PDB file of N, CA and C in Angstrom:
ATOM      1  N   MET A   1       0.817  -1.182   0.000  1.00  0.00           N
ATOM      2  CA  MET A   1       0.000   0.000   0.000  1.00  0.00           C
ATOM      3  C   MET A   1       0.866   1.253   0.000  1.00  0.00           C
ATOM      4  N   GLY A   2       1.867   1.343   0.844  1.00  0.00           N
ATOM      5  CA  GLY A   2       2.745   2.498   0.842  1.00  0.00           C
ATOM      6  C   GLY A   2       2.537   3.400   2.038  1.00  0.00           C
ATOM      7  N   THR A   3       3.348   4.406   2.095  1.00  0.00           N
ATOM      8  CA  THR A   3       3.319   5.371   3.186  1.00  0.00           C
ATOM      9  C   THR A   3       2.567   6.619   2.743  1.00  0.00           C
ATOM     10  N   SER A   4       1.744   7.140   3.628  1.00  0.00           N
ATOM     11  CA  SER A   4       1.028   8.378   3.302  1.00  0.00           C
ATOM     12  C   SER A   4       2.005   9.553   3.338  1.00  0.00           C
ATOM     13  N   PHE A   5       1.611  10.637   2.727  1.00  0.00           N
ATOM     14  CA  PHE A   5       2.451  11.834   2.723  1.00  0.00           C
ATOM     15  C   PHE A   5       2.702  12.317   4.151  1.00  0.00           C
ATOM     16  N   ALA A   6       1.667  12.326   4.954  1.00  0.00           N
ATOM     17  CA  ALA A   6       1.797  12.788   6.342  1.00  0.00           C
ATOM     18  C   ALA A   6       2.783  11.919   7.117  1.00  0.00           C
ATOM     19  N   GLU A   7       2.729  10.609   6.910  1.00  0.00           N
ATOM     20  CA  GLU A   7       3.645   9.703   7.593  1.00  0.00           C
ATOM     21  C   GLU A   7       5.079   9.907   7.100  1.00  0.00           C
ATOM     22  N   ALA A   8       5.242  10.142   5.799  1.00  0.00           N
ATOM     23  CA  ALA A   8       6.576  10.381   5.247  1.00  0.00           C
ATOM     24  C   ALA A   8       7.177  11.662   5.828  1.00  0.00           C
ATOM     25  N   VAL A   9       6.370  12.698   5.967  1.00  0.00           N
ATOM     26  CA  VAL A   9       6.850  13.953   6.560  1.00  0.00           C
ATOM     27  C   VAL A   9       7.218  13.731   8.018  1.00  0.00           C
ATOM     28  N   ARG A  10       6.426  12.966   8.726  1.00  0.00           N
ATOM     29  CA  ARG A  10       6.719  12.667  10.138  1.00  0.00           C
ATOM     30  C   ARG A  10       8.048  11.930  10.269  1.00  0.00           C
ATOM     31  N   ILE A  11       8.271  10.931   9.426  1.00  0.00           N
ATOM     32  CA  ILE A  11       9.520  10.167   9.451  1.00  0.00           C
ATOM     33  C   ILE A  11      10.702  11.078   9.125  1.00  0.00           C
ATOM     34  N   PHE A  12      10.547  11.904   8.102  1.00  0.00           N
ATOM     35  CA  PHE A  12      11.593  12.840   7.704  1.00  0.00           C
ATOM     36  C   PHE A  12      11.933  13.783   8.855  1.00  0.00           C
ATOM     37  N   ALA A  13      10.908  14.349   9.481  1.00  0.00           N
ATOM     38  CA  ALA A  13      11.123  15.284  10.590  1.00  0.00           C
ATOM     39  C   ALA A  13      11.812  14.589  11.762  1.00  0.00           C
ATOM     40  N   LYS A  14      11.395  13.371  12.075  1.00  0.00           N
ATOM     41  CA  LYS A  14      11.984  12.627  13.188  1.00  0.00           C
ATOM     42  C   LYS A  14      13.462  12.347  12.925  1.00  0.00           C
ATOM     43  N   GLN A  15      13.792  11.906  11.710  1.00  0.00           N
ATOM     44  CA  GLN A  15      15.185  11.639  11.370  1.00  0.00           C
ATOM     45  C   GLN A  15      16.009  12.921  11.391  1.00  0.00           C
ATOM     46  N   SER A  16      15.428  14.022  10.945  1.00  0.00           N
ATOM     47  CA  SER A  16      16.144  15.303  10.947  1.00  0.00           C
ATOM     48  C   SER A  16      16.495  15.724  12.367  1.00  0.00           C
ATOM     49  N   VAL A  17      15.558  15.542  13.300  1.00  0.00           N
ATOM     50  CA  VAL A  17      15.790  15.914  14.693  1.00  0.00           C
ATOM     51  C   VAL A  17      16.827  14.985  15.321  1.00  0.00           C
ATOM     52  N   GLU A  18      16.710  13.684  15.052  1.00  0.00           N
ATOM     53  CA  GLU A  18      17.652  12.724  15.635  1.00  0.00           C
ATOM     54  C   GLU A  18      19.081  12.962  15.142  1.00  0.00           C
ATOM     55  N   GLU A  19      19.237  13.278  13.858  1.00  0.00           N
ATOM     56  CA  GLU A  19      20.568  13.464  13.287  1.00  0.00           C
ATOM     57  C   GLU A  19      21.056  14.912  13.396  1.00  0.00           C
ATOM     58  N   ILE A  20      20.175  15.796  13.830  1.00  0.00           N
ATOM     59  CA  ILE A  20      20.452  17.226  13.902  1.00  0.00           C
ATOM     60  C   ILE A  20      20.979  17.710  12.547  1.00  0.00           C
ATOM     61  N   ALA A  21      20.381  17.190  11.508  1.00  0.00           N
ATOM     62  CA  ALA A  21      20.756  17.540  10.137  1.00  0.00           C
ATOM     63  C   ALA A  21      19.746  16.898   9.194  1.00  0.00           C
ATOM     64  N   MET A  22      19.952  17.128   7.920  1.00  0.00           N
ATOM     65  CA  MET A  22      19.098  16.481   6.927  1.00  0.00           C
ATOM     66  C   MET A  22      19.407  14.982   6.937  1.00  0.00           C
ATOM     67  N   PRO A  23      18.409  14.146   6.818  1.00  0.00           N
ATOM     68  CA  PRO A  23      18.643  12.707   6.869  1.00  0.00           C
ATOM     69  C   PRO A  23      19.142  12.118   5.545  1.00  0.00           C
ATOM     70  N   PHE A  24      19.792  12.929   4.753  1.00  0.00           N
ATOM     71  CA  PHE A  24      20.372  12.458   3.499  1.00  0.00           C
ATOM     72  C   PHE A  24      21.546  13.362   3.158  1.00  0.00           C
ATOM     73  N   THR A  25      22.400  12.902   2.290  1.00  0.00           N
ATOM     74  CA  THR A  25      23.551  13.691   1.881  1.00  0.00           C
ATOM     75  C   THR A  25      23.207  14.450   0.610  1.00  0.00           C
ATOM     76  N   MET A  26      23.473  15.741   0.630  1.00  0.00           N
ATOM     77  CA  MET A  26      23.200  16.550  -0.548  1.00  0.00           C
ATOM     78  C   MET A  26      24.490  16.699  -1.345  1.00  0.00           C
ATOM     79  N   HIS A  27      24.384  16.550  -2.656  1.00  0.00           N
ATOM     80  CA  HIS A  27      25.535  16.675  -3.535  1.00  0.00           C
ATOM     81  C   HIS A  27      25.277  17.808  -4.515  1.00  0.00           C
ATOM     82  N   LEU A  28      26.222  18.691  -4.626  1.00  0.00           N
ATOM     83  CA  LEU A  28      26.124  19.786  -5.570  1.00  0.00           C
ATOM     84  C   LEU A  28      27.180  19.588  -6.651  1.00  0.00           C
ATOM     85  N   THR A  29      26.781  19.801  -7.891  1.00  0.00           N
ATOM     86  CA  THR A  29      27.747  19.689  -8.968  1.00  0.00           C
ATOM     87  C   THR A  29      28.617  20.934  -8.989  1.00  0.00           C
ATOM     88  N   THR A  30      29.885  20.751  -9.277  1.00  0.00           N
ATOM     89  CA  THR A  30      30.802  21.879  -9.317  1.00  0.00           C
ATOM     90  C   THR A  30      31.145  22.270 -10.746  1.00  0.00           C
ATOM     91  N   LYS A  31      30.585  21.584 -11.710  1.00  0.00           N
ATOM     92  CA  LYS A  31      30.860  21.887 -13.103  1.00  0.00           C
ATOM     93  C   LYS A  31      30.192  23.196 -13.494  1.00  0.00           C
ATOM     94  N   GLU A  32      30.911  24.002 -14.248  1.00  0.00           N
ATOM     95  CA  GLU A  32      30.340  25.232 -14.783  1.00  0.00           C
ATOM     96  C   GLU A  32      29.508  24.873 -16.005  1.00  0.00           C
ATOM     97  N   LYS A  33      28.285  25.292 -16.009  1.00  0.00           N
ATOM     98  CA  LYS A  33      27.427  25.054 -17.166  1.00  0.00           C
ATOM     99  C   LYS A  33      27.463  26.282 -18.057  1.00  0.00           C
ATOM    100  N   LYS A  34      27.502  26.053 -19.358  1.00  0.00           N
ATOM    101  CA  LYS A  34      27.521  27.150 -20.303  1.00  0.00           C
ATOM    102  C   LYS A  34      26.144  27.809 -20.323  1.00  0.00           C
ATOM    103  N   ARG A  35      26.119  29.120 -20.146  1.00  0.00           N
ATOM    104  CA  ARG A  35      24.857  29.849 -20.163  1.00  0.00           C
ATOM    105  C   ARG A  35      24.431  30.085 -21.600  1.00  0.00           C
ATOM    106  N   THR A  36      23.145  29.935 -21.865  1.00  0.00           N
ATOM    107  CA  THR A  36      22.629  30.160 -23.202  1.00  0.00           C
ATOM    108  C   THR A  36      21.755  31.403 -23.272  1.00  0.00           C
ATOM    109  N   LEU A  37      21.728  32.168 -22.213  1.00  0.00           N
ATOM    110  CA  LEU A  37      20.956  33.398 -22.201  1.00  0.00           C
ATOM    111  C   LEU A  37      21.541  34.364 -23.221  1.00  0.00           C
ATOM    112  N   GLY A  38      20.707  34.955 -24.040  1.00  0.00           N
ATOM    113  CA  GLY A  38      21.188  35.873 -25.053  1.00  0.00           C
ATOM    114  C   GLY A  38      21.728  35.162 -26.270  1.00  0.00           C
ATOM    115  N   LEU A  39      21.217  33.978 -26.546  1.00  0.00           N
ATOM    116  CA  LEU A  39      21.689  33.157 -27.651  1.00  0.00           C
ATOM    117  C   LEU A  39      21.611  33.888 -28.985  1.00  0.00           C
ATOM    118  N   ALA A  40      20.585  34.707 -29.185  1.00  0.00           N
ATOM    119  CA  ALA A  40      20.402  35.429 -30.442  1.00  0.00           C
ATOM    120  C   ALA A  40      20.902  36.872 -30.341  1.00  0.00           C
ATOM    121  N   ASN A  41      21.726  37.140 -29.354  1.00  0.00           N
ATOM    122  CA  ASN A  41      22.212  38.499 -29.126  1.00  0.00           C
ATOM    123  C   ASN A  41      22.915  39.041 -30.371  1.00  0.00           C
ATOM    124  N   GLY A  42      22.403  40.153 -30.899  1.00  0.00           N
ATOM    125  CA  GLY A  42      22.995  40.791 -32.056  1.00  0.00           C
ATOM    126  C   GLY A  42      22.555  40.247 -33.401  1.00  0.00           C
ATOM    127  N   LYS A  43      21.756  39.193 -33.431  1.00  0.00           N
ATOM    128  CA  LYS A  43      21.323  38.597 -34.695  1.00  0.00           C
ATOM    129  C   LYS A  43      20.088  39.277 -35.274  1.00  0.00           C
ATOM    130  N   TYR A  44      19.341  39.964 -34.448  1.00  0.00           N
ATOM    131  CA  TYR A  44      18.100  40.591 -34.893  1.00  0.00           C
ATOM    132  C   TYR A  44      18.089  42.053 -34.484  1.00  0.00           C
ATOM    133  N   ALA A  45      17.537  42.868 -35.358  1.00  0.00           N
ATOM    134  CA  ALA A  45      17.398  44.292 -35.046  1.00  0.00           C
ATOM    135  C   ALA A  45      15.950  44.564 -34.646  1.00  0.00           C
ATOM    136  N   ILE A  46      15.760  45.207 -33.525  1.00  0.00           N
ATOM    137  CA  ILE A  46      14.418  45.547 -33.051  1.00  0.00           C
ATOM    138  C   ILE A  46      14.212  47.035 -33.302  1.00  0.00           C
ATOM    139  N   PRO A  47      13.221  47.389 -34.145  1.00  0.00           N
ATOM    140  CA  PRO A  47      13.015  48.803 -34.459  1.00  0.00           C
ATOM    141  C   PRO A  47      12.480  49.576 -33.254  1.00  0.00           C
ATOM    142  N   ASP A  48      12.735  50.864 -33.269  1.00  0.00           N
ATOM    143  CA  ASP A  48      12.231  51.729 -32.187  1.00  0.00           C
ATOM    144  C   ASP A  48      10.712  51.804 -32.214  1.00  0.00           C
ATOM    145  N   ASP A  49      10.139  51.788 -33.434  1.00  0.00           N
ATOM    146  CA  ASP A  49       8.689  51.860 -33.601  1.00  0.00           C
ATOM    147  C   ASP A  49       8.228  50.584 -34.299  1.00  0.00           C
ATOM    148  N   ILE A  50       7.596  49.682 -33.559  1.00  0.00           N
ATOM    149  CA  ILE A  50       7.209  48.393 -34.145  1.00  0.00           C
ATOM    150  C   ILE A  50       6.042  48.520 -35.118  1.00  0.00           C
ATOM    151  N   ASP A  51       5.407  49.666 -35.163  1.00  0.00           N
ATOM    152  CA  ASP A  51       4.269  49.857 -36.056  1.00  0.00           C
ATOM    153  C   ASP A  51       4.656  50.461 -37.408  1.00  0.00           C
ATOM    154  N   GLU A  52       5.936  50.763 -37.599  1.00  0.00           N
ATOM    155  CA  GLU A  52       6.346  51.438 -38.832  1.00  0.00           C
ATOM    156  C   GLU A  52       6.168  50.569 -40.074  1.00  0.00           C
ATOM    157  N   CYS A  53       6.114  49.260 -39.940  1.00  0.00           N
ATOM    158  CA  CYS A  53       5.993  48.359 -41.098  1.00  0.00           C
ATOM    159  C   CYS A  53       4.578  47.794 -41.261  1.00  0.00           C
ATOM    160  N   ASN A  54       3.614  48.293 -40.519  1.00  0.00           N
ATOM    161  CA  ASN A  54       2.265  47.720 -40.564  1.00  0.00           C
ATOM    162  C   ASN A  54       1.666  47.707 -41.972  1.00  0.00           C
ATOM    163  N   PHE A  55       1.816  48.790 -42.725  1.00  0.00           N
ATOM    164  CA  PHE A  55       1.229  48.862 -44.072  1.00  0.00           C
ATOM    165  C   PHE A  55       1.906  47.860 -45.014  1.00  0.00           C
ATOM    166  N   GLU A  56       3.219  47.729 -44.905  1.00  0.00           N
ATOM    167  CA  GLU A  56       3.958  46.777 -45.732  1.00  0.00           C
ATOM    168  C   GLU A  56       3.526  45.340 -45.428  1.00  0.00           C
ATOM    169  N   ILE A  57       3.355  45.031 -44.165  1.00  0.00           N
ATOM    170  CA  ILE A  57       2.923  43.683 -43.758  1.00  0.00           C
ATOM    171  C   ILE A  57       1.492  43.430 -44.213  1.00  0.00           C
ATOM    172  N   ALA A  58       0.636  44.422 -44.094  1.00  0.00           N
ATOM    173  CA  ALA A  58      -0.759  44.278 -44.545  1.00  0.00           C
ATOM    174  C   ALA A  58      -0.804  43.993 -46.030  1.00  0.00           C
ATOM    175  N   GLU A  59       0.035  44.647 -46.827  1.00  0.00           N
ATOM    176  CA  GLU A  59       0.093  44.393 -48.269  1.00  0.00           C
ATOM    177  C   GLU A  59       0.531  42.964 -48.562  1.00  0.00           C
ATOM    178  N   MET A  60       1.478  42.442 -47.794  1.00  0.00           N
ATOM    179  CA  MET A  60       1.960  41.065 -47.970  1.00  0.00           C
ATOM    180  C   MET A  60       0.825  40.064 -47.811  1.00  0.00           C
ATOM    181  N   PHE A  61      -0.112  40.365 -46.911  1.00  0.00           N
ATOM    182  CA  PHE A  61      -1.230  39.467 -46.653  1.00  0.00           C
ATOM    183  C   PHE A  61      -2.474  39.842 -47.429  1.00  0.00           C
ATOM    184  N   GLY A  62      -2.346  40.798 -48.320  1.00  0.00           N
ATOM    185  CA  GLY A  62      -3.463  41.183 -49.163  1.00  0.00           C
ATOM    186  C   GLY A  62      -4.539  41.959 -48.435  1.00  0.00           C
ATOM    187  N   VAL A  63      -4.171  42.618 -47.376  1.00  0.00           N
ATOM    188  CA  VAL A  63      -5.122  43.406 -46.592  1.00  0.00           C
ATOM    189  C   VAL A  63      -4.833  44.870 -46.863  1.00  0.00           C
ATOM    190  N   GLU A  64      -5.891  45.616 -47.064  1.00  0.00           N
ATOM    191  CA  GLU A  64      -5.700  47.045 -47.292  1.00  0.00           C
ATOM    192  C   GLU A  64      -5.458  47.741 -45.947  1.00  0.00           C
ATOM    193  N   GLY A  65      -4.401  48.530 -45.900  1.00  0.00           N
ATOM    194  CA  GLY A  65      -4.027  49.190 -44.655  1.00  0.00           C
ATOM    195  C   GLY A  65      -4.648  50.491 -44.570  1.00  0.00           C
TER     196      GLY A  65
END
C-alpha cells in the first residue's frame, strides 16, 4: 500500500531531529554550465517603432491598410 504523505513527513522530521541535520547527503555539482541566455544576441534588429511596417505587412497578406 505504501506510506502516506503525512507519515513520510513525520519520518523525515523525526530523522532530521535525531541526526540534527538532513537525513540524506546533498551533492552539488561543481561543473560550470555554459549559459545560453542571449543566444540570439545581435542577430536581430528591433526597431524603435514596431508599427512602422504595418502597411507593408498588410500588403503582404493582401489586406488594405
